[in-house]
C-alpha atoms as a PDB file:
ATOM      1  CA  MET A   1      50.915 213.795 106.711  1.00  0.00           C
ATOM      2  CA  SER A   2      54.084 215.018 105.112  1.00  0.00           C
ATOM      3  CA  GLY A   3      54.787 217.803 102.697  1.00  0.00           C
ATOM      4  CA  GLY A   4      58.515 217.985 103.163  1.00  0.00           C
ATOM      5  CA  ALA A   5      61.668 216.323 101.901  1.00  0.00           C
ATOM      6  CA  VAL A   6      62.257 212.610 102.052  1.00  0.00           C
ATOM      7  CA  ALA A   7      65.079 213.146 104.525  1.00  0.00           C
ATOM      8  CA  SER A   8      62.447 214.141 107.126  1.00  0.00           C
ATOM      9  CA  ILE A   9      60.813 210.692 107.021  1.00  0.00           C
ATOM     10  CA  PRO A  10      61.965 208.519 109.959  1.00  0.00           C
ATOM     11  CA  GLU A  11      63.672 205.234 109.148  1.00  0.00           C
ATOM     12  CA  GLY A  12      61.186 202.372 109.005  1.00  0.00           C
ATOM     13  CA  LEU A  13      58.150 204.577 108.461  1.00  0.00           C
ATOM     14  CA  LEU A  14      58.156 203.900 104.732  1.00  0.00           C
ATOM     15  CA  ASP A  15      57.344 200.280 105.484  1.00  0.00           C
ATOM     16  CA  GLU A  16      53.993 201.333 106.989  1.00  0.00           C
ATOM     17  CA  GLY A  17      53.413 203.880 104.243  1.00  0.00           C
ATOM     18  CA  VAL A  18      53.826 207.651 104.088  1.00  0.00           C
ATOM     19  CA  TRP A  19      51.148 210.191 103.225  1.00  0.00           C
ATOM     20  CA  PHE A  20      51.947 213.352 101.272  1.00  0.00           C
ATOM     21  CA  ARG A  21      49.705 216.354 100.808  1.00  0.00           C
ATOM     22  CA  VAL A  22      50.557 217.392  97.256  1.00  0.00           C
ATOM     23  CA  GLU A  23      50.102 221.117  96.677  1.00  0.00           C
ATOM     24  CA  ALA A  24      53.371 222.244  95.082  1.00  0.00           C
ATOM     25  CA  ALA A  25      55.917 220.962  92.595  1.00  0.00           C
ATOM     26  CA  SER A  26      58.498 220.565  95.365  1.00  0.00           C
ATOM     27  CA  THR A  27      56.216 218.126  97.176  1.00  0.00           C
ATOM     28  CA  ALA A  28      55.610 216.197  93.950  1.00  0.00           C
ATOM     29  CA  ALA A  29      59.370 215.750  93.664  1.00  0.00           C
ATOM     30  CA  ALA A  30      59.547 214.590  97.298  1.00  0.00           C
ATOM     31  CA  VAL A  31      56.892 211.948  96.631  1.00  0.00           C
ATOM     32  CA  ARG A  32      58.881 210.629  93.687  1.00  0.00           C
ATOM     33  CA  ARG A  33      62.079 210.443  95.762  1.00  0.00           C
ATOM     34  CA  ALA A  34      60.236 208.633  98.566  1.00  0.00           C
ATOM     35  CA  ALA A  35      58.873 206.087  96.113  1.00  0.00           C
ATOM     36  CA  GLU A  36      62.322 205.540  94.604  1.00  0.00           C
ATOM     37  CA  ARG A  37      63.864 205.102  98.056  1.00  0.00           C
ATOM     38  CA  LEU A  38      61.188 202.584  99.014  1.00  0.00           C
ATOM     39  CA  ALA A  39      61.702 200.623  95.795  1.00  0.00           C
ATOM     40  CA  THR A  40      65.454 200.545  96.367  1.00  0.00           C
ATOM     41  CA  GLU A  41      64.971 199.261  99.925  1.00  0.00           C
ATOM     42  CA  LEU A  42      62.691 196.527  98.557  1.00  0.00           C
ATOM     43  CA  GLY A  43      65.316 195.450  96.022  1.00  0.00           C
ATOM     44  CA  ILE A  44      63.198 196.351  93.005  1.00  0.00           C
ATOM     45  CA  PRO A  45      65.284 196.422  89.781  1.00  0.00           C
ATOM     46  CA  GLU A  46      66.291 199.769  88.277  1.00  0.00           C
ATOM     47  CA  LYS A  47      64.086 199.306  85.206  1.00  0.00           C
ATOM     48  CA  ASP A  48      60.997 198.912  87.400  1.00  0.00           C
ATOM     49  CA  ILE A  49      62.075 201.828  89.579  1.00  0.00           C
ATOM     50  CA  ALA A  50      62.180 203.949  86.420  1.00  0.00           C
ATOM     51  CA  ASP A  51      58.600 202.920  85.636  1.00  0.00           C
ATOM     52  CA  LEU A  52      57.587 203.744  89.203  1.00  0.00           C
ATOM     53  CA  SER A  53      59.184 207.187  88.900  1.00  0.00           C
ATOM     54  CA  ILE A  54      57.099 207.924  85.808  1.00  0.00           C
ATOM     55  CA  VAL A  55      53.891 206.773  87.497  1.00  0.00           C
ATOM     56  CA  VAL A  56      54.523 208.854  90.618  1.00  0.00           C
ATOM     57  CA  ALA A  57      55.672 211.930  88.700  1.00  0.00           C
ATOM     58  CA  GLU A  58      52.589 211.894  86.471  1.00  0.00           C
ATOM     59  CA  ALA A  59      50.189 211.327  89.371  1.00  0.00           C
ATOM     60  CA  ALA A  60      51.758 213.924  91.671  1.00  0.00           C
ATOM     61  CA  GLY A  61      52.201 216.447  88.888  1.00  0.00           C
ATOM     62  CA  ASN A  62      48.551 216.254  87.975  1.00  0.00           C
ATOM     63  CA  LEU A  63      47.492 216.789  91.571  1.00  0.00           C
ATOM     64  CA  VAL A  64      49.560 219.971  91.622  1.00  0.00           C
ATOM     65  CA  LYS A  65      48.102 221.211  88.331  1.00  0.00           C
ATOM     66  CA  HIS A  66      44.483 220.240  88.567  1.00  0.00           C
ATOM     67  CA  ALA A  67      43.218 218.659  91.771  1.00  0.00           C
ATOM     68  CA  ASP A  68      41.790 219.935  95.053  1.00  0.00           C
ATOM     69  CA  GLU A  69      43.117 218.573  98.365  1.00  0.00           C
ATOM     70  CA  GLY A  70      45.293 216.024  96.599  1.00  0.00           C
ATOM     71  CA  ILE A  71      47.091 213.417  98.716  1.00  0.00           C
ATOM     72  CA  ILE A  72      49.266 210.391  97.896  1.00  0.00           C
ATOM     73  CA  LEU A  73      50.103 207.346  99.983  1.00  0.00           C
ATOM     74  CA  VAL A  74      53.383 205.592  99.127  1.00  0.00           C
ATOM     75  CA  ARG A  75      53.791 202.098 100.561  1.00  0.00           C
ATOM     76  CA  PRO A  76      55.121 198.590  99.915  1.00  0.00           C
ATOM     77  CA  VAL A  77      52.902 195.694  98.826  1.00  0.00           C
ATOM     78  CA  ARG A  78      53.763 192.036  99.247  1.00  0.00           C
ATOM     79  CA  ALA A  79      52.543 188.781  97.748  1.00  0.00           C
ATOM     80  CA  ARG A  80      54.074 185.595  99.086  1.00  0.00           C
ATOM     81  CA  GLU A  81      57.819 185.953  98.384  1.00  0.00           C
ATOM     82  CA  ARG A  82      57.554 189.088  96.238  1.00  0.00           C
ATOM     83  CA  ALA A  83      57.502 192.781  97.059  1.00  0.00           C
ATOM     84  CA  GLY A  84      56.332 195.757  95.020  1.00  0.00           C
ATOM     85  CA  ALA A  85      55.547 199.436  95.462  1.00  0.00           C
ATOM     86  CA  GLU A  86      52.079 200.962  95.533  1.00  0.00           C
ATOM     87  CA  ILE A  87      50.686 204.476  95.447  1.00  0.00           C
ATOM     88  CA  ILE A  88      47.148 205.525  96.365  1.00  0.00           C
ATOM     89  CA  VAL A  89      46.218 208.896  94.849  1.00  0.00           C
ATOM     90  CA  ILE A  90      43.172 210.702  96.242  1.00  0.00           C
ATOM     91  CA  ASP A  91      41.668 214.051  95.318  1.00  0.00           C
ATOM     92  CA  LYS A  92      38.493 216.055  95.727  1.00  0.00           C
ATOM     93  CA  GLY A  93      38.645 217.604  92.264  1.00  0.00           C
ATOM     94  CA  PRO A  94      35.724 217.839  89.829  1.00  0.00           C
ATOM     95  CA  GLY A  95      36.171 214.193  88.872  1.00  0.00           C
ATOM     96  CA  MET A  96      35.715 212.487  85.522  1.00  0.00           C
ATOM     97  CA  ALA A  97      32.508 211.314  83.889  1.00  0.00           C
ATOM     98  CA  ASP A  98      34.375 208.994  81.491  1.00  0.00           C
ATOM     99  CA  VAL A  99      37.573 207.578  82.988  1.00  0.00           C
ATOM    100  CA  ARG A 100      38.394 205.452  79.942  1.00  0.00           C
ATOM    101  CA  HIS A 101      38.226 208.480  77.618  1.00  0.00           C
ATOM    102  CA  SER A 102      40.304 210.512  80.074  1.00  0.00           C
ATOM    103  CA  ALA A 103      43.082 207.921  79.808  1.00  0.00           C
ATOM    104  CA  ASP A 104      43.432 208.469  76.068  1.00  0.00           C
ATOM    105  CA  ASP A 105      46.661 210.215  75.095  1.00  0.00           C
ATOM    106  CA  GLY A 106      46.154 213.888  74.436  1.00  0.00           C
ATOM    107  CA  TYR A 107      42.947 214.142  76.438  1.00  0.00           C
ATOM    108  CA  SER A 108      42.857 216.845  79.127  1.00  0.00           C
ATOM    109  CA  THR A 109      40.186 218.257  81.346  1.00  0.00           C
ATOM    110  CA  ALA A 110      41.128 220.735  84.045  1.00  0.00           C
ATOM    111  CA  GLY A 111      40.501 219.316  87.501  1.00  0.00           C
ATOM    112  CA  THR A 112      41.099 215.667  86.581  1.00  0.00           C
ATOM    113  CA  LEU A 113      43.980 213.239  86.325  1.00  0.00           C
ATOM    114  CA  GLY A 114      43.435 213.192  82.558  1.00  0.00           C
ATOM    115  CA  ILE A 115      46.861 214.445  81.538  1.00  0.00           C
ATOM    116  CA  GLY A 116      49.279 211.587  82.101  1.00  0.00           C
ATOM    117  CA  LEU A 117      46.650 209.026  83.035  1.00  0.00           C
ATOM    118  CA  GLY A 118      47.513 207.030  79.930  1.00  0.00           C
ATOM    119  CA  ALA A 119      51.181 206.996  80.921  1.00  0.00           C
ATOM    120  CA  ILE A 120      50.265 205.806  84.411  1.00  0.00           C
ATOM    121  CA  THR A 121      48.190 202.887  83.160  1.00  0.00           C
ATOM    122  CA  ARG A 122      50.905 201.874  80.665  1.00  0.00           C
ATOM    123  CA  GLN A 123      53.844 202.011  83.066  1.00  0.00           C
ATOM    124  CA  ALA A 124      52.156 200.462  86.090  1.00  0.00           C
ATOM    125  CA  SER A 125      52.065 196.679  86.525  1.00  0.00           C
ATOM    126  CA  TRP A 126      48.479 197.126  87.725  1.00  0.00           C
ATOM    127  CA  SER A 127      46.198 200.097  88.242  1.00  0.00           C
ATOM    128  CA  ASP A 128      42.596 200.878  89.098  1.00  0.00           C
ATOM    129  CA  ILE A 129      40.715 204.147  89.127  1.00  0.00           C
ATOM    130  CA  HIS A 130      37.248 205.372  90.075  1.00  0.00           C
ATOM    131  CA  SER A 131      35.936 208.881  89.656  1.00  0.00           C
ATOM    132  CA  VAL A 132      32.639 210.650  90.311  1.00  0.00           C
ATOM    133  CA  PRO A 133      31.896 214.112  88.875  1.00  0.00           C
ATOM    134  CA  GLY A 134      31.726 216.609  91.694  1.00  0.00           C
ATOM    135  CA  ARG A 135      33.366 214.288  94.231  1.00  0.00           C
ATOM    136  CA  GLY A 136      36.834 213.491  92.925  1.00  0.00           C
ATOM    137  CA  THR A 137      39.070 210.624  91.891  1.00  0.00           C
ATOM    138  CA  VAL A 138      40.882 207.743  93.561  1.00  0.00           C
ATOM    139  CA  LEU A 139      43.700 205.939  91.751  1.00  0.00           C
ATOM    140  CA  ALA A 140      45.695 202.919  92.890  1.00  0.00           C
ATOM    141  CA  ALA A 141      48.793 201.850  90.985  1.00  0.00           C
ATOM    142  CA  GLN A 142      51.422 199.181  91.641  1.00  0.00           C
ATOM    143  CA  ILE A 143      54.846 198.350  90.253  1.00  0.00           C
ATOM    144  CA  TRP A 144      55.987 194.741  90.569  1.00  0.00           C
ATOM    145  CA  PRO A 145      59.251 193.269  89.322  1.00  0.00           C
ATOM    146  CA  GLY A 146      58.585 190.378  86.978  1.00  0.00           C
ATOM    147  CA  GLY A 147      55.015 191.339  86.171  1.00  0.00           C
ATOM    148  CA  GLU A 148      51.775 191.674  88.054  1.00  0.00           C
ATOM    149  CA  PRO A 149      50.928 189.043  90.698  1.00  0.00           C
ATOM    150  CA  GLU A 150      47.430 187.918  91.520  1.00  0.00           C
ATOM    151  CA  GLN A 151      45.584 190.829  93.062  1.00  0.00           C
ATOM    152  CA  ALA A 152      44.805 190.807  96.767  1.00  0.00           C
ATOM    153  CA  TRP A 153      41.323 189.817  97.923  1.00  0.00           C
ATOM    154  CA  ALA A 154      41.527 192.410 100.707  1.00  0.00           C
ATOM    155  CA  ALA A 155      43.285 195.721 101.316  1.00  0.00           C
ATOM    156  CA  GLY A 156      43.187 198.515 103.851  1.00  0.00           C
ATOM    157  CA  ILE A 157      44.270 202.100 104.362  1.00  0.00           C
ATOM    158  CA  THR A 158      45.047 203.968 107.574  1.00  0.00           C
ATOM    159  CA  ARG A 159      45.712 207.647 108.149  1.00  0.00           C
ATOM    160  CA  PRO A 160      46.945 209.251 111.368  1.00  0.00           C
ATOM    161  CA  LEU A 161      45.273 212.105 113.175  1.00  0.00           C
ATOM    162  CA  THR A 162      46.394 215.445 111.760  1.00  0.00           C
ATOM    163  CA  GLY A 163      49.705 216.346 113.398  1.00  0.00           C
ATOM    164  CA  GLU A 164      50.724 212.753 114.215  1.00  0.00           C
ATOM    165  CA  GLN A 165      53.259 210.697 112.276  1.00  0.00           C
ATOM    166  CA  VAL A 166      51.888 207.295 113.282  1.00  0.00           C
ATOM    167  CA  SER A 167      48.348 205.963 113.410  1.00  0.00           C
ATOM    168  CA  GLY A 168      46.662 204.095 116.233  1.00  0.00           C
ATOM    169  CA  ASP A 169      44.549 202.326 113.611  1.00  0.00           C
ATOM    170  CA  ALA A 170      45.867 199.242 111.850  1.00  0.00           C
ATOM    171  CA  TYR A 171      44.699 196.214 109.917  1.00  0.00           C
ATOM    172  CA  ALA A 172      45.978 192.793 108.897  1.00  0.00           C
ATOM    173  CA  ILE A 173      45.051 190.179 106.309  1.00  0.00           C
ATOM    174  CA  ARG A 174      45.941 186.513 106.369  1.00  0.00           C
ATOM    175  CA  GLU A 175      45.217 183.170 104.732  1.00  0.00           C
ATOM    176  CA  VAL A 176      45.929 180.218 107.012  1.00  0.00           C
ATOM    177  CA  ASP A 177      44.779 176.624 106.586  1.00  0.00           C
ATOM    178  CA  GLY A 178      42.183 177.724 104.050  1.00  0.00           C
ATOM    179  CA  ARG A 179      40.770 180.488 106.258  1.00  0.00           C
ATOM    180  CA  HIS A 180      40.528 184.031 104.845  1.00  0.00           C
ATOM    181  CA  GLN A 181      40.698 186.312 107.876  1.00  0.00           C
ATOM    182  CA  VAL A 182      41.033 190.053 108.429  1.00  0.00           C
ATOM    183  CA  LEU A 183      41.633 192.249 111.465  1.00  0.00           C
ATOM    184  CA  VAL A 184      40.840 195.916 112.059  1.00  0.00           C
ATOM    185  CA  VAL A 185      42.186 197.470 115.266  1.00  0.00           C
ATOM    186  CA  ASP A 186      41.957 200.936 116.843  1.00  0.00           C
ATOM    187  CA  GLY A 187      44.477 201.498 119.639  1.00  0.00           C
ATOM    188  CA  LEU A 188      42.998 203.487 122.510  1.00  0.00           C
ATOM    189  CA  GLY A 189      43.608 207.211 121.993  1.00  0.00           C
ATOM    190  CA  HIS A 190      46.131 208.247 119.365  1.00  0.00           C
ATOM    191  CA  GLY A 191      49.859 208.780 118.865  1.00  0.00           C
ATOM    192  CA  PRO A 192      52.775 206.406 119.587  1.00  0.00           C
ATOM    193  CA  LEU A 193      51.161 204.452 122.452  1.00  0.00           C
ATOM    194  CA  ALA A 194      48.026 203.766 120.432  1.00  0.00           C
ATOM    195  CA  ASN A 195      50.274 202.706 117.552  1.00  0.00           C
ATOM    196  CA  VAL A 196      52.134 200.275 119.828  1.00  0.00           C
ATOM    197  CA  ALA A 197      48.861 198.631 120.889  1.00  0.00           C
ATOM    198  CA  ALA A 198      47.632 198.375 117.300  1.00  0.00           C
ATOM    199  CA  LEU A 199      50.876 196.903 115.983  1.00  0.00           C
ATOM    200  CA  GLU A 200      50.980 194.373 118.816  1.00  0.00           C
ATOM    201  CA  ALA A 201      47.474 193.237 117.840  1.00  0.00           C
ATOM    202  CA  VAL A 202      48.628 192.862 114.222  1.00  0.00           C
ATOM    203  CA  ARG A 203      51.685 190.861 115.287  1.00  0.00           C
ATOM    204  CA  VAL A 204      49.665 188.470 117.453  1.00  0.00           C
ATOM    205  CA  PHE A 205      46.966 188.062 114.805  1.00  0.00           C
ATOM    206  CA  ARG A 206      49.495 187.110 112.141  1.00  0.00           C
ATOM    207  CA  ALA A 207      51.208 184.568 114.403  1.00  0.00           C
ATOM    208  CA  ALA A 208      48.068 182.987 115.882  1.00  0.00           C
ATOM    209  CA  PRO A 209      46.930 179.476 114.929  1.00  0.00           C
ATOM    210  CA  ALA A 210      44.093 178.925 112.456  1.00  0.00           C
ATOM    211  CA  VAL A 211      41.127 179.328 114.789  1.00  0.00           C
ATOM    212  CA  PRO A 212      37.721 181.024 114.356  1.00  0.00           C
ATOM    213  CA  PRO A 213      37.267 184.796 114.929  1.00  0.00           C
ATOM    214  CA  ALA A 214      35.966 184.549 118.516  1.00  0.00           C
ATOM    215  CA  ALA A 215      39.005 182.530 119.565  1.00  0.00           C
ATOM    216  CA  LEU A 216      41.290 185.031 117.831  1.00  0.00           C
ATOM    217  CA  VAL A 217      39.653 187.942 119.651  1.00  0.00           C
ATOM    218  CA  GLU A 218      40.112 186.100 122.956  1.00  0.00           C
ATOM    219  CA  THR A 219      43.809 185.594 122.133  1.00  0.00           C
ATOM    220  CA  LEU A 220      44.193 189.262 121.216  1.00  0.00           C
ATOM    221  CA  HIS A 221      42.437 190.348 124.422  1.00  0.00           C
ATOM    222  CA  ARG A 222      44.932 188.414 126.538  1.00  0.00           C
ATOM    223  CA  ALA A 223      47.918 189.599 124.504  1.00  0.00           C
ATOM    224  CA  LEU A 224      47.117 193.319 124.779  1.00  0.00           C
ATOM    225  CA  ASN A 225      46.961 193.494 128.598  1.00  0.00           C
ATOM    226  CA  HIS A 226      50.380 195.188 128.720  1.00  0.00           C
ATOM    227  CA  THR A 227      49.292 197.932 126.284  1.00  0.00           C
ATOM    228  CA  ARG A 228      46.751 200.731 126.623  1.00  0.00           C
ATOM    229  CA  GLY A 229      44.225 198.447 124.877  1.00  0.00           C
ATOM    230  CA  ALA A 230      42.233 198.644 121.673  1.00  0.00           C
ATOM    231  CA  ALA A 231      38.924 198.212 119.933  1.00  0.00           C
ATOM    232  CA  LEU A 232      39.223 195.424 117.392  1.00  0.00           C
ATOM    233  CA  ALA A 233      37.278 193.015 115.234  1.00  0.00           C
ATOM    234  CA  VAL A 234      38.103 189.863 113.280  1.00  0.00           C
ATOM    235  CA  ALA A 235      36.155 188.608 110.280  1.00  0.00           C
ATOM    236  CA  GLU A 236      36.469 185.349 108.368  1.00  0.00           C
ATOM    237  CA  LEU A 237      35.083 185.103 104.829  1.00  0.00           C
ATOM    238  CA  ASP A 238      33.942 181.620 103.873  1.00  0.00           C
ATOM    239  CA  LEU A 239      32.518 181.821 100.364  1.00  0.00           C
ATOM    240  CA  GLY A 240      32.231 178.037 100.108  1.00  0.00           C
ATOM    241  CA  ARG A 241      29.680 178.007 102.920  1.00  0.00           C
ATOM    242  CA  GLY A 242      28.349 181.449 102.040  1.00  0.00           C
ATOM    243  CA  VAL A 243      29.062 183.002 105.433  1.00  0.00           C
ATOM    244  CA  VAL A 244      31.040 185.734 107.189  1.00  0.00           C
ATOM    245  CA  ARG A 245      32.052 184.868 110.760  1.00  0.00           C
ATOM    246  CA  TYR A 246      32.593 187.997 112.849  1.00  0.00           C
ATOM    247  CA  ALA A 247      33.658 188.831 116.400  1.00  0.00           C
ATOM    248  CA  GLY A 248      34.550 192.230 117.809  1.00  0.00           C
ATOM    249  CA  LEU A 249      35.148 194.313 120.933  1.00  0.00           C
ATOM    250  CA  GLY A 250      34.545 198.059 120.905  1.00  0.00           C
ATOM    251  CA  ASN A 251      33.838 200.594 118.197  1.00  0.00           C
ATOM    252  CA  ILE A 252      34.824 198.761 115.028  1.00  0.00           C
ATOM    253  CA  SER A 253      32.076 198.895 112.390  1.00  0.00           C
ATOM    254  CA  GLY A 254      31.468 196.175 109.844  1.00  0.00           C
ATOM    255  CA  THR A 255      29.077 196.122 106.886  1.00  0.00           C
ATOM    256  CA  ILE A 256      28.394 193.582 104.141  1.00  0.00           C
ATOM    257  CA  PHE A 257      27.318 195.088 100.820  1.00  0.00           C
ATOM    258  CA  ALA A 258      25.496 192.487  98.714  1.00  0.00           C
ATOM    259  CA  PRO A 259      25.407 192.548  94.883  1.00  0.00           C
ATOM    260  CA  ASP A 260      21.659 193.302  94.974  1.00  0.00           C
ATOM    261  CA  GLY A 261      22.339 196.626  96.712  1.00  0.00           C
ATOM    262  CA  SER A 262      21.332 195.532 100.212  1.00  0.00           C
ATOM    263  CA  ARG A 263      23.618 196.007 103.202  1.00  0.00           C
ATOM    264  CA  LYS A 264      23.941 194.325 106.578  1.00  0.00           C
ATOM    265  CA  GLY A 265      25.613 195.780 109.654  1.00  0.00           C
ATOM    266  CA  LEU A 266      27.760 193.483 111.800  1.00  0.00           C
ATOM    267  CA  VAL A 267      27.720 193.392 115.610  1.00  0.00           C
ATOM    268  CA  SER A 268      30.707 194.220 117.820  1.00  0.00           C
ATOM    269  CA  LEU A 269      30.202 193.931 121.580  1.00  0.00           C
ATOM    270  CA  PRO A 270      31.224 196.563 124.169  1.00  0.00           C
ATOM    271  CA  GLY A 271      34.714 196.318 125.606  1.00  0.00           C
ATOM    272  CA  ILE A 272      38.399 197.199 125.284  1.00  0.00           C
ATOM    273  CA  ALA A 273      40.680 194.387 124.177  1.00  0.00           C
ATOM    274  CA  GLY A 274      43.404 193.982 126.778  1.00  0.00           C
ATOM    275  CA  HIS A 275      41.431 195.530 129.621  1.00  0.00           C
ATOM    276  CA  GLN A 276      37.715 194.841 129.854  1.00  0.00           C
ATOM    277  CA  LYS A 277      35.179 192.564 128.233  1.00  0.00           C
ATOM    278  CA  ARG A 278      31.824 191.178 129.257  1.00  0.00           C
ATOM    279  CA  GLN A 279      31.846 188.429 126.678  1.00  0.00           C
ATOM    280  CA  ILE A 280      33.182 187.559 123.257  1.00  0.00           C
ATOM    281  CA  ARG A 281      30.642 186.215 120.793  1.00  0.00           C
ATOM    282  CA  GLU A 282      30.903 185.197 117.179  1.00  0.00           C
ATOM    283  CA  PHE A 283      28.104 186.015 114.745  1.00  0.00           C
ATOM    284  CA  ASP A 284      27.455 184.478 111.326  1.00  0.00           C
ATOM    285  CA  TYR A 285      26.125 186.500 108.372  1.00  0.00           C
ATOM    286  CA  PRO A 286      25.175 185.424 104.833  1.00  0.00           C
ATOM    287  CA  LEU A 287      27.849 186.031 102.204  1.00  0.00           C
ATOM    288  CA  ALA A 288      26.930 185.956  98.520  1.00  0.00           C
ATOM    289  CA  ALA A 289      29.492 185.879  95.712  1.00  0.00           C
ATOM    290  CA  GLU A 290      30.700 189.373  94.751  1.00  0.00           C
ATOM    291  CA  SER A 291      29.667 190.792  98.142  1.00  0.00           C
ATOM    292  CA  VAL A 292      31.964 193.391  99.704  1.00  0.00           C
ATOM    293  CA  LEU A 293      32.931 193.452 103.381  1.00  0.00           C
ATOM    294  CA  LEU A 294      33.785 196.920 104.703  1.00  0.00           C
ATOM    295  CA  MET A 295      35.270 197.352 108.189  1.00  0.00           C
ATOM    296  CA  HIS A 296      36.447 200.595 109.771  1.00  0.00           C
ATOM    297  CA  SER A 297      37.377 202.371 112.992  1.00  0.00           C
ATOM    298  CA  ASP A 298      35.369 205.195 114.527  1.00  0.00           C
ATOM    299  CA  GLY A 299      37.577 207.609 112.597  1.00  0.00           C
ATOM    300  CA  ILE A 300      35.221 206.859 109.689  1.00  0.00           C
ATOM    301  CA  VAL A 301      31.631 208.114 109.946  1.00  0.00           C
ATOM    302  CA  ASP A 302      28.828 205.661 109.201  1.00  0.00           C
ATOM    303  CA  ARG A 303      26.745 207.977 107.046  1.00  0.00           C
ATOM    304  CA  TRP A 304      28.738 207.030 103.935  1.00  0.00           C
ATOM    305  CA  ASN A 305      26.321 205.861 101.211  1.00  0.00           C
ATOM    306  CA  ALA A 306      27.532 203.442  98.531  1.00  0.00           C
ATOM    307  CA  GLY A 307      24.673 204.524  96.248  1.00  0.00           C
ATOM    308  CA  ASP A 308      26.376 207.906  95.758  1.00  0.00           C
ATOM    309  CA  TYR A 309      29.294 206.200  93.959  1.00  0.00           C
ATOM    310  CA  PRO A 310      28.051 204.335  90.870  1.00  0.00           C
ATOM    311  CA  GLY A 311      30.090 201.232  90.170  1.00  0.00           C
ATOM    312  CA  LEU A 312      32.485 201.729  93.084  1.00  0.00           C
ATOM    313  CA  LEU A 313      31.829 198.367  94.745  1.00  0.00           C
ATOM    314  CA  THR A 314      32.996 196.552  91.592  1.00  0.00           C
ATOM    315  CA  HIS A 315      36.460 198.119  91.931  1.00  0.00           C
ATOM    316  CA  SER A 316      39.535 196.977  93.829  1.00  0.00           C
ATOM    317  CA  PRO A 317      39.605 196.974  97.639  1.00  0.00           C
ATOM    318  CA  GLN A 318      42.260 199.729  97.527  1.00  0.00           C
ATOM    319  CA  VAL A 319      40.093 202.109  95.508  1.00  0.00           C
ATOM    320  CA  ILE A 320      37.001 201.418  97.605  1.00  0.00           C
ATOM    321  CA  ALA A 321      38.961 201.988 100.813  1.00  0.00           C
ATOM    322  CA  GLY A 322      40.514 205.202  99.486  1.00  0.00           C
ATOM    323  CA  THR A 323      37.122 206.586  98.507  1.00  0.00           C
ATOM    324  CA  VAL A 324      35.603 205.834 101.906  1.00  0.00           C
ATOM    325  CA  LEU A 325      38.606 207.342 103.696  1.00  0.00           C
ATOM    326  CA  ARG A 326      38.378 210.526 101.619  1.00  0.00           C
ATOM    327  CA  ASP A 327      34.672 211.177 102.063  1.00  0.00           C
ATOM    328  CA  ALA A 328      33.911 209.610 105.449  1.00  0.00           C
ATOM    329  CA  GLY A 329      37.187 210.018 107.372  1.00  0.00           C
ATOM    330  CA  VAL A 330      37.349 212.568 110.176  1.00  0.00           C
ATOM    331  CA  ARG A 331      40.398 214.721 110.889  1.00  0.00           C
ATOM    332  CA  ARG A 332      40.041 214.721 114.674  1.00  0.00           C
ATOM    333  CA  ASP A 333      40.957 211.041 114.964  1.00  0.00           C
ATOM    334  CA  ASP A 334      43.029 208.303 113.371  1.00  0.00           C
ATOM    335  CA  ALA A 335      41.117 206.644 110.560  1.00  0.00           C
ATOM    336  CA  GLY A 336      41.333 203.112 109.225  1.00  0.00           C
ATOM    337  CA  VAL A 337      39.270 201.182 106.689  1.00  0.00           C
ATOM    338  CA  LEU A 338      39.565 197.671 105.278  1.00  0.00           C
ATOM    339  CA  VAL A 339      37.742 196.153 102.302  1.00  0.00           C
ATOM    340  CA  ALA A 340      37.548 192.442 101.463  1.00  0.00           C
ATOM    341  CA  ARG A 341      35.938 190.487  98.669  1.00  0.00           C
ATOM    342  CA  LEU A 342      36.073 186.840  97.589  1.00  0.00           C
ATOM    343  CA  SER A 343      34.872 186.043  94.060  1.00  0.00           C
END
């Protein structure tokens, strides 16, 4: 996690996303410069870059003024042939009881994103925010040239172990031949070698043919034999048939949250993809409309309780993932979480 100047960010790292701990005005300025650099690399027009600068400056400035343990993720987002810029803003401040009122111009409550929240929602192509008094706020905002595209049905967030620049956790999302599939992977250990294993799994997953999750996990197992290996799981959401198909090896957790408040844990079998497996099995689970699938590495603790966050599961995958990462992520390991929903 960075707190320094943009010049300290290695080339190519912006494409995976860069975290900033925002505690001082100098860091807020560095976040803005990083976002502008990313937008320039993506070929985003100057007018949209100006809007992005306002969004980032307001969000980062408010973390400095009011929030506790404020962090921002700056990263690209892509939809088919288009690219945009996204920020995820997370804090552990006092939170807001009425987010809509806090977005009104002129409204300010110390400890919230209230000041400037209206400017953020106006300048962003798309934004979403959830806040709980006493727990904090998570904001996601995107800038797209040419207007907002259709929002993603799934999104994830990863964060490296404290002191590392790259994460051994990764995720991928794909639609192929009508299949909606997601991958969560945790490279063995942490640091660059774990990152290599995770990114290789992502590459193979994206290039693989349209086959069910168990066959994908088998393909990934064979492909990772030259790496240190990984825990991983693949899920396929089939709303038409009302089912989630799931296959996993190792410590990847999966949970389906149903609209009625019930939850169902998904089964991953013991093993290390690339090195050892007893068997690969695919399990089917009921999937109702508006259900939420949450998958995460063992850098997220399982004691997270959705009931402590009123209304959260109706929000975007980015905001749900950011909230879980904030309150259930552990600092002694890489952490990765993915959220998917089909309406």
